[in-house]
Amino acid sequence: MKKEQFAFGRTNFILLAIGITIVILGLVLMSGSGSTETHFDPEIFSALRIKTAPSVCLFGYLFMIFAILWRPAGKHKTQTHKTEDNE
């Protein structure tokens, strides 16, 4: 297969990996110990878990969409191949 036939380039995969890492970071920020029947943990309602971590995840998902749609400057024009009609 020629390199031009791939939908994603190396840069796209690197950007996707960065986006996935950002989403995983947001999920780690959301995790933590929870409350049990005998012990209430007030940290479950902290601003880090409720506001910051979901925002980090959202940014990661938006970054992954950008990574999918991004193309290098030279590949914006689509290449069309002329076919011969055998009639």
PDB file of N, CA and C in Angstrom:
ATOM      1  N   MET A   1       0.820  -1.182   0.000  1.00  0.00           N
ATOM      2  CA  MET A   1       0.000   0.000   0.000  1.00  0.00           C
ATOM      3  C   MET A   1       0.864   1.246   0.000  1.00  0.00           C
ATOM      4  N   LYS A   2       0.450   2.198  -0.768  1.00  0.00           N
ATOM      5  CA  LYS A   2       1.174   3.456  -0.804  1.00  0.00           C
ATOM      6  C   LYS A   2       0.801   4.309   0.396  1.00  0.00           C
ATOM      7  N   LYS A   3       1.680   5.216   0.743  1.00  0.00           N
ATOM      8  CA  LYS A   3       1.456   6.077   1.903  1.00  0.00           C
ATOM      9  C   LYS A   3       0.260   7.002   1.689  1.00  0.00           C
ATOM     10  N   GLU A   4      -0.021   7.391   0.467  1.00  0.00           N
ATOM     11  CA  GLU A   4      -1.119   8.300   0.182  1.00  0.00           C
ATOM     12  C   GLU A   4      -2.486   7.653   0.395  1.00  0.00           C
ATOM     13  N   GLN A   5      -2.557   6.330   0.495  1.00  0.00           N
ATOM     14  CA  GLN A   5      -3.839   5.652   0.618  1.00  0.00           C
ATOM     15  C   GLN A   5      -4.330   5.584   2.061  1.00  0.00           C
ATOM     16  N   PHE A   6      -3.509   5.893   3.026  1.00  0.00           N
ATOM     17  CA  PHE A   6      -3.928   5.849   4.417  1.00  0.00           C
ATOM     18  C   PHE A   6      -4.762   7.082   4.742  1.00  0.00           C
ATOM     19  N   ALA A   7      -5.795   6.890   5.548  1.00  0.00           N
ATOM     20  CA  ALA A   7      -6.649   8.013   5.924  1.00  0.00           C
ATOM     21  C   ALA A   7      -5.957   8.913   6.941  1.00  0.00           C
ATOM     22  N   PHE A   8      -5.195   8.322   7.862  1.00  0.00           N
ATOM     23  CA  PHE A   8      -4.499   9.087   8.892  1.00  0.00           C
ATOM     24  C   PHE A   8      -3.009   9.028   8.669  1.00  0.00           C
ATOM     25  N   GLY A   9      -2.355  10.111   8.992  1.00  0.00           N
ATOM     26  CA  GLY A   9      -0.908  10.148   8.959  1.00  0.00           C
ATOM     27  C   GLY A   9      -0.350   9.922  10.357  1.00  0.00           C
ATOM     28  N   ARG A  10       0.948   9.970  10.445  1.00  0.00           N
ATOM     29  CA  ARG A  10       1.610   9.754  11.727  1.00  0.00           C
ATOM     30  C   ARG A  10       1.222  10.824  12.741  1.00  0.00           C
ATOM     31  N   THR A  11       1.092  12.058  12.273  1.00  0.00           N
ATOM     32  CA  THR A  11       0.732  13.161  13.154  1.00  0.00           C
ATOM     33  C   THR A  11      -0.670  12.970  13.726  1.00  0.00           C
ATOM     34  N   ASN A  12      -1.600  12.466  12.917  1.00  0.00           N
ATOM     35  CA  ASN A  12      -2.949  12.216  13.411  1.00  0.00           C
ATOM     36  C   ASN A  12      -2.943  11.207  14.565  1.00  0.00           C
ATOM     37  N   PHE A  13      -2.153  10.154  14.421  1.00  0.00           N
ATOM     38  CA  PHE A  13      -2.096   9.155  15.477  1.00  0.00           C
ATOM     39  C   PHE A  13      -1.457   9.716  16.746  1.00  0.00           C
ATOM     40  N   ILE A  14      -0.464  10.559  16.598  1.00  0.00           N
ATOM     41  CA  ILE A  14       0.163  11.184  17.766  1.00  0.00           C
ATOM     42  C   ILE A  14      -0.833  12.094  18.477  1.00  0.00           C
ATOM     43  N   LEU A  15      -1.586  12.893  17.705  1.00  0.00           N
ATOM     44  CA  LEU A  15      -2.587  13.773  18.296  1.00  0.00           C
ATOM     45  C   LEU A  15      -3.701  12.972  18.964  1.00  0.00           C
ATOM     46  N   LEU A  16      -4.107  11.861  18.368  1.00  0.00           N
ATOM     47  CA  LEU A  16      -5.111  10.998  18.989  1.00  0.00           C
ATOM     48  C   LEU A  16      -4.609  10.423  20.308  1.00  0.00           C
ATOM     49  N   ALA A  17      -3.356  10.021  20.343  1.00  0.00           N
ATOM     50  CA  ALA A  17      -2.791   9.480  21.586  1.00  0.00           C
ATOM     51  C   ALA A  17      -2.762  10.549  22.677  1.00  0.00           C
ATOM     52  N   ILE A  18      -2.457  11.775  22.302  1.00  0.00           N
ATOM     53  CA  ILE A  18      -2.470  12.874  23.273  1.00  0.00           C
ATOM     54  C   ILE A  18      -3.889  13.097  23.792  1.00  0.00           C
ATOM     55  N   GLY A  19      -4.868  13.076  22.888  1.00  0.00           N
ATOM     56  CA  GLY A  19      -6.264  13.239  23.296  1.00  0.00           C
ATOM     57  C   GLY A  19      -6.733  12.135  24.228  1.00  0.00           C
ATOM     58  N   ILE A  20      -6.361  10.896  23.934  1.00  0.00           N
ATOM     59  CA  ILE A  20      -6.730   9.777  24.799  1.00  0.00           C
ATOM     60  C   ILE A  20      -6.084   9.934  26.167  1.00  0.00           C
ATOM     61  N   THR A  21      -4.843  10.389  26.198  1.00  0.00           N
ATOM     62  CA  THR A  21      -4.156  10.614  27.469  1.00  0.00           C
ATOM     63  C   THR A  21      -4.854  11.693  28.298  1.00  0.00           C
ATOM     64  N   ILE A  22      -5.329  12.738  27.642  1.00  0.00           N
ATOM     65  CA  ILE A  22      -6.042  13.807  28.350  1.00  0.00           C
ATOM     66  C   ILE A  22      -7.350  13.288  28.932  1.00  0.00           C
ATOM     67  N   VAL A  23      -8.071  12.464  28.172  1.00  0.00           N
ATOM     68  CA  VAL A  23      -9.323  11.894  28.675  1.00  0.00           C
ATOM     69  C   VAL A  23      -9.056  10.977  29.871  1.00  0.00           C
ATOM     70  N   ILE A  24      -8.028  10.154  29.776  1.00  0.00           N
ATOM     71  CA  ILE A  24      -7.682   9.266  30.898  1.00  0.00           C
ATOM     72  C   ILE A  24      -7.304  10.084  32.124  1.00  0.00           C
ATOM     73  N   LEU A  25      -6.582  11.185  31.933  1.00  0.00           N
ATOM     74  CA  LEU A  25      -6.241  12.066  33.046  1.00  0.00           C
ATOM     75  C   LEU A  25      -7.505  12.622  33.703  1.00  0.00           C
ATOM     76  N   GLY A  26      -8.477  13.025  32.896  1.00  0.00           N
ATOM     77  CA  GLY A  26      -9.741  13.521  33.448  1.00  0.00           C
ATOM     78  C   GLY A  26     -10.485  12.454  34.229  1.00  0.00           C
ATOM     79  N   LEU A  27     -10.469  11.220  33.738  1.00  0.00           N
ATOM     80  CA  LEU A  27     -11.130  10.138  34.459  1.00  0.00           C
ATOM     81  C   LEU A  27     -10.417   9.820  35.774  1.00  0.00           C
ATOM     82  N   VAL A  28      -9.104   9.906  35.772  1.00  0.00           N
ATOM     83  CA  VAL A  28      -8.354   9.684  37.019  1.00  0.00           C
ATOM     84  C   VAL A  28      -8.665  10.783  38.022  1.00  0.00           C
ATOM     85  N   LEU A  29      -8.797  12.019  37.541  1.00  0.00           N
ATOM     86  CA  LEU A  29      -9.147  13.118  38.448  1.00  0.00           C
ATOM     87  C   LEU A  29     -10.540  12.934  39.045  1.00  0.00           C
ATOM     88  N   MET A  30     -11.447  12.298  38.311  1.00  0.00           N
ATOM     89  CA  MET A  30     -12.795  12.052  38.819  1.00  0.00           C
ATOM     90  C   MET A  30     -12.841  10.917  39.829  1.00  0.00           C
ATOM     91  N   SER A  31     -11.901  10.010  39.754  1.00  0.00           N
ATOM     92  CA  SER A  31     -11.949   8.840  40.631  1.00  0.00           C
ATOM     93  C   SER A  31     -11.494   9.198  42.043  1.00  0.00           C
ATOM     94  N   GLY A  32     -11.723   8.303  42.931  1.00  0.00           N
ATOM     95  CA  GLY A  32     -11.315   8.503  44.318  1.00  0.00           C
ATOM     96  C   GLY A  32     -12.158   7.637  45.220  1.00  0.00           C
ATOM     97  N   SER A  33     -11.901   7.752  46.479  1.00  0.00           N
ATOM     98  CA  SER A  33     -12.678   6.940  47.412  1.00  0.00           C
ATOM     99  C   SER A  33     -14.089   7.497  47.515  1.00  0.00           C
ATOM    100  N   GLY A  34     -15.035   6.615  47.634  1.00  0.00           N
ATOM    101  CA  GLY A  34     -16.422   7.025  47.746  1.00  0.00           C
ATOM    102  C   GLY A  34     -16.914   6.893  49.167  1.00  0.00           C
ATOM    103  N   SER A  35     -18.156   7.223  49.361  1.00  0.00           N
ATOM    104  CA  SER A  35     -18.753   7.114  50.678  1.00  0.00           C
ATOM    105  C   SER A  35     -19.282   5.699  50.884  1.00  0.00           C
ATOM    106  N   THR A  36     -19.256   5.258  52.124  1.00  0.00           N
ATOM    107  CA  THR A  36     -19.850   3.974  52.492  1.00  0.00           C
ATOM    108  C   THR A  36     -21.039   4.239  53.406  1.00  0.00           C
ATOM    109  N   GLU A  37     -21.677   3.183  53.874  1.00  0.00           N
ATOM    110  CA  GLU A  37     -22.830   3.351  54.756  1.00  0.00           C
ATOM    111  C   GLU A  37     -22.428   3.925  56.107  1.00  0.00           C
ATOM    112  N   THR A  38     -21.217   3.653  56.533  1.00  0.00           N
ATOM    113  CA  THR A  38     -20.776   4.127  57.848  1.00  0.00           C
ATOM    114  C   THR A  38     -19.921   5.384  57.798  1.00  0.00           C
ATOM    115  N   HIS A  39     -19.375   5.713  56.642  1.00  0.00           N
ATOM    116  CA  HIS A  39     -18.462   6.857  56.538  1.00  0.00           C
ATOM    117  C   HIS A  39     -18.851   7.714  55.346  1.00  0.00           C
ATOM    118  N   PHE A  40     -19.071   9.016  55.585  1.00  0.00           N
ATOM    119  CA  PHE A  40     -19.371   9.961  54.504  1.00  0.00           C
ATOM    120  C   PHE A  40     -18.103  10.724  54.158  1.00  0.00           C
ATOM    121  N   ASP A  41     -17.768  10.733  52.867  1.00  0.00           N
ATOM    122  CA  ASP A  41     -16.569  11.440  52.412  1.00  0.00           C
ATOM    123  C   ASP A  41     -16.997  12.740  51.726  1.00  0.00           C
ATOM    124  N   PRO A  42     -16.794  13.914  52.365  1.00  0.00           N
ATOM    125  CA  PRO A  42     -17.214  15.177  51.744  1.00  0.00           C
ATOM    126  C   PRO A  42     -16.386  15.542  50.513  1.00  0.00           C
ATOM    127  N   GLU A  43     -15.270  14.864  50.293  1.00  0.00           N
ATOM    128  CA  GLU A  43     -14.444  15.160  49.128  1.00  0.00           C
ATOM    129  C   GLU A  43     -15.139  14.759  47.818  1.00  0.00           C
ATOM    130  N   ILE A  44     -16.170  13.944  47.919  1.00  0.00           N
ATOM    131  CA  ILE A  44     -16.869  13.499  46.719  1.00  0.00           C
ATOM    132  C   ILE A  44     -17.529  14.675  45.999  1.00  0.00           C
ATOM    133  N   PHE A  45     -17.814  15.757  46.732  1.00  0.00           N
ATOM    134  CA  PHE A  45     -18.438  16.937  46.139  1.00  0.00           C
ATOM    135  C   PHE A  45     -17.443  18.064  45.909  1.00  0.00           C
ATOM    136  N   SER A  46     -16.180  17.757  45.771  1.00  0.00           N
ATOM    137  CA  SER A  46     -15.165  18.797  45.579  1.00  0.00           C
ATOM    138  C   SER A  46     -15.244  19.367  44.159  1.00  0.00           C
ATOM    139  N   ALA A  47     -14.742  20.561  44.010  1.00  0.00           N
ATOM    140  CA  ALA A  47     -14.754  21.222  42.699  1.00  0.00           C
ATOM    141  C   ALA A  47     -13.891  20.472  41.688  1.00  0.00           C
ATOM    142  N   LEU A  48     -12.865  19.775  42.170  1.00  0.00           N
ATOM    143  CA  LEU A  48     -12.011  19.005  41.268  1.00  0.00           C
ATOM    144  C   LEU A  48     -12.801  17.907  40.580  1.00  0.00           C
ATOM    145  N   ARG A  49     -13.635  17.213  41.333  1.00  0.00           N
ATOM    146  CA  ARG A  49     -14.412  16.110  40.767  1.00  0.00           C
ATOM    147  C   ARG A  49     -15.626  16.568  39.979  1.00  0.00           C
ATOM    148  N   ILE A  50     -16.225  17.676  40.357  1.00  0.00           N
ATOM    149  CA  ILE A  50     -17.480  18.089  39.733  1.00  0.00           C
ATOM    150  C   ILE A  50     -17.265  19.033  38.549  1.00  0.00           C
ATOM    151  N   LYS A  51     -16.256  19.882  38.614  1.00  0.00           N
ATOM    152  CA  LYS A  51     -16.061  20.886  37.563  1.00  0.00           C
ATOM    153  C   LYS A  51     -14.812  20.654  36.726  1.00  0.00           C
ATOM    154  N   THR A  52     -13.685  20.469  37.373  1.00  0.00           N
ATOM    155  CA  THR A  52     -12.412  20.412  36.651  1.00  0.00           C
ATOM    156  C   THR A  52     -12.265  19.130  35.840  1.00  0.00           C
ATOM    157  N   ALA A  53     -12.510  17.987  36.448  1.00  0.00           N
ATOM    158  CA  ALA A  53     -12.297  16.707  35.764  1.00  0.00           C
ATOM    159  C   ALA A  53     -13.209  16.534  34.543  1.00  0.00           C
ATOM    160  N   PRO A  54     -14.514  16.842  34.635  1.00  0.00           N
ATOM    161  CA  PRO A  54     -15.330  16.751  33.410  1.00  0.00           C
ATOM    162  C   PRO A  54     -14.893  17.731  32.322  1.00  0.00           C
ATOM    163  N   SER A  55     -14.402  18.902  32.736  1.00  0.00           N
ATOM    164  CA  SER A  55     -13.902  19.862  31.743  1.00  0.00           C
ATOM    165  C   SER A  55     -12.658  19.327  31.040  1.00  0.00           C
ATOM    166  N   VAL A  56     -11.791  18.659  31.793  1.00  0.00           N
ATOM    167  CA  VAL A  56     -10.590  18.061  31.197  1.00  0.00           C
ATOM    168  C   VAL A  56     -10.994  16.957  30.215  1.00  0.00           C
ATOM    169  N   CYS A  57     -11.978  16.136  30.591  1.00  0.00           N
ATOM    170  CA  CYS A  57     -12.451  15.078  29.690  1.00  0.00           C
ATOM    171  C   CYS A  57     -13.060  15.673  28.420  1.00  0.00           C
ATOM    172  N   LEU A  58     -13.872  16.712  28.571  1.00  0.00           N
ATOM    173  CA  LEU A  58     -14.471  17.357  27.405  1.00  0.00           C
ATOM    174  C   LEU A  58     -13.392  17.911  26.483  1.00  0.00           C
ATOM    175  N   PHE A  59     -12.382  18.554  27.052  1.00  0.00           N
ATOM    176  CA  PHE A  59     -11.286  19.071  26.240  1.00  0.00           C
ATOM    177  C   PHE A  59     -10.574  17.931  25.512  1.00  0.00           C
ATOM    178  N   GLY A  60     -10.392  16.800  26.187  1.00  0.00           N
ATOM    179  CA  GLY A  60      -9.747  15.649  25.546  1.00  0.00           C
ATOM    180  C   GLY A  60     -10.551  15.122  24.376  1.00  0.00           C
ATOM    181  N   TYR A  61     -11.874  15.029  24.537  1.00  0.00           N
ATOM    182  CA  TYR A  61     -12.729  14.560  23.440  1.00  0.00           C
ATOM    183  C   TYR A  61     -12.706  15.543  22.267  1.00  0.00           C
ATOM    184  N   LEU A  62     -12.754  16.830  22.560  1.00  0.00           N
ATOM    185  CA  LEU A  62     -12.685  17.836  21.487  1.00  0.00           C
ATOM    186  C   LEU A  62     -11.330  17.785  20.782  1.00  0.00           C
ATOM    187  N   PHE A  63     -10.271  17.535  21.549  1.00  0.00           N
ATOM    188  CA  PHE A  63      -8.944  17.420  20.966  1.00  0.00           C
ATOM    189  C   PHE A  63      -8.867  16.193  20.051  1.00  0.00           C
ATOM    190  N   MET A  64      -9.531  15.099  20.431  1.00  0.00           N
ATOM    191  CA  MET A  64      -9.528  13.906  19.579  1.00  0.00           C
ATOM    192  C   MET A  64     -10.303  14.158  18.285  1.00  0.00           C
ATOM    193  N   ILE A  65     -11.392  14.916  18.352  1.00  0.00           N
ATOM    194  CA  ILE A  65     -12.121  15.273  17.122  1.00  0.00           C
ATOM    195  C   ILE A  65     -11.226  16.113  16.221  1.00  0.00           C
ATOM    196  N   PHE A  66     -10.509  17.063  16.812  1.00  0.00           N
ATOM    197  CA  PHE A  66      -9.563  17.863  16.037  1.00  0.00           C
ATOM    198  C   PHE A  66      -8.495  16.975  15.399  1.00  0.00           C
ATOM    199  N   ALA A  67      -8.005  15.985  16.144  1.00  0.00           N
ATOM    200  CA  ALA A  67      -6.964  15.090  15.621  1.00  0.00           C
ATOM    201  C   ALA A  67      -7.480  14.265  14.453  1.00  0.00           C
ATOM    202  N   ILE A  68      -8.745  13.902  14.476  1.00  0.00           N
ATOM    203  CA  ILE A  68      -9.320  13.128  13.372  1.00  0.00           C
ATOM    204  C   ILE A  68      -9.488  14.001  12.139  1.00  0.00           C
ATOM    205  N   LEU A  69      -9.908  15.239  12.330  1.00  0.00           N
ATOM    206  CA  LEU A  69     -10.192  16.120  11.190  1.00  0.00           C
ATOM    207  C   LEU A  69      -8.969  16.831  10.635  1.00  0.00           C
ATOM    208  N   TRP A  70      -7.863  16.840  11.363  1.00  0.00           N
ATOM    209  CA  TRP A  70      -6.678  17.594  10.960  1.00  0.00           C
ATOM    210  C   TRP A  70      -5.973  16.942   9.777  1.00  0.00           C
ATOM    211  N   ARG A  71      -5.568  17.774   8.831  1.00  0.00           N
ATOM    212  CA  ARG A  71      -4.755  17.336   7.699  1.00  0.00           C
ATOM    213  C   ARG A  71      -3.579  18.280   7.554  1.00  0.00           C
ATOM    214  N   PRO A  72      -2.444  17.772   7.072  1.00  0.00           N
ATOM    215  CA  PRO A  72      -1.318  18.670   6.808  1.00  0.00           C
ATOM    216  C   PRO A  72      -1.672  19.678   5.718  1.00  0.00           C
ATOM    217  N   ALA A  73      -0.927  20.745   5.644  1.00  0.00           N
ATOM    218  CA  ALA A  73      -1.232  21.827   4.707  1.00  0.00           C
ATOM    219  C   ALA A  73      -1.202  21.370   3.248  1.00  0.00           C
ATOM    220  N   GLY A  74      -0.372  20.429   2.900  1.00  0.00           N
ATOM    221  CA  GLY A  74      -0.257  19.996   1.514  1.00  0.00           C
ATOM    222  C   GLY A  74      -1.299  18.998   1.062  1.00  0.00           C
ATOM    223  N   LYS A  75      -2.094  18.451   1.976  1.00  0.00           N
ATOM    224  CA  LYS A  75      -3.051  17.414   1.615  1.00  0.00           C
ATOM    225  C   LYS A  75      -4.489  17.907   1.560  1.00  0.00           C
ATOM    226  N   HIS A  76      -4.708  19.209   1.549  1.00  0.00           N
ATOM    227  CA  HIS A  76      -6.075  19.723   1.527  1.00  0.00           C
ATOM    228  C   HIS A  76      -6.749  19.478   0.191  1.00  0.00           C
ATOM    229  N   LYS A  77      -6.003  19.447  -0.873  1.00  0.00           N
ATOM    230  CA  LYS A  77      -6.583  19.204  -2.182  1.00  0.00           C
ATOM    231  C   LYS A  77      -6.707  17.707  -2.391  1.00  0.00           C
ATOM    232  N   THR A  78      -7.888  17.285  -2.810  1.00  0.00           N
ATOM    233  CA  THR A  78      -8.083  15.864  -3.064  1.00  0.00           C
ATOM    234  C   THR A  78      -7.535  15.530  -4.438  1.00  0.00           C
ATOM    235  N   GLN A  79      -6.924  14.390  -4.527  1.00  0.00           N
ATOM    236  CA  GLN A  79      -6.373  13.946  -5.797  1.00  0.00           C
ATOM    237  C   GLN A  79      -7.405  13.094  -6.508  1.00  0.00           C
ATOM    238  N   THR A  80      -7.702  13.458  -7.739  1.00  0.00           N
ATOM    239  CA  THR A  80      -8.657  12.676  -8.523  1.00  0.00           C
ATOM    240  C   THR A  80      -7.887  12.001  -9.640  1.00  0.00           C
ATOM    241  N   HIS A  81      -8.246  10.768  -9.854  1.00  0.00           N
ATOM    242  CA  HIS A  81      -7.626   9.998 -10.917  1.00  0.00           C
ATOM    243  C   HIS A  81      -8.577   9.924 -12.088  1.00  0.00           C
ATOM    244  N   LYS A  82      -8.083  10.213 -13.281  1.00  0.00           N
ATOM    245  CA  LYS A  82      -8.931  10.160 -14.469  1.00  0.00           C
ATOM    246  C   LYS A  82      -9.034   8.709 -14.925  1.00  0.00           C
ATOM    247  N   THR A  83     -10.244   8.304 -15.154  1.00  0.00           N
ATOM    248  CA  THR A  83     -10.478   6.949 -15.655  1.00  0.00           C
ATOM    249  C   THR A  83     -10.884   7.035 -17.124  1.00  0.00           C
ATOM    250  N   GLU A  84     -10.500   6.019 -17.857  1.00  0.00           N
ATOM    251  CA  GLU A  84     -10.844   5.986 -19.271  1.00  0.00           C
ATOM    252  C   GLU A  84     -12.114   5.179 -19.441  1.00  0.00           C
ATOM    253  N   ASP A  85     -13.032   5.742 -20.219  1.00  0.00           N
ATOM    254  CA  ASP A  85     -14.280   5.039 -20.511  1.00  0.00           C
ATOM    255  C   ASP A  85     -14.045   4.153 -21.724  1.00  0.00           C
ATOM    256  N   ASN A  86     -14.276   2.900 -21.595  1.00  0.00           N
ATOM    257  CA  ASN A  86     -14.103   1.940 -22.702  1.00  0.00           C
ATOM    258  C   ASN A  86     -15.455   1.660 -23.312  1.00  0.00           C
ATOM    259  N   GLU A  87     -15.936   2.559 -24.142  1.00  0.00           N
ATOM    260  CA  GLU A  87     -17.230   2.370 -24.801  1.00  0.00           C
ATOM    261  C   GLU A  87     -17.027   2.207 -26.277  1.00  0.00           C
TER     262      GLU A  87
END
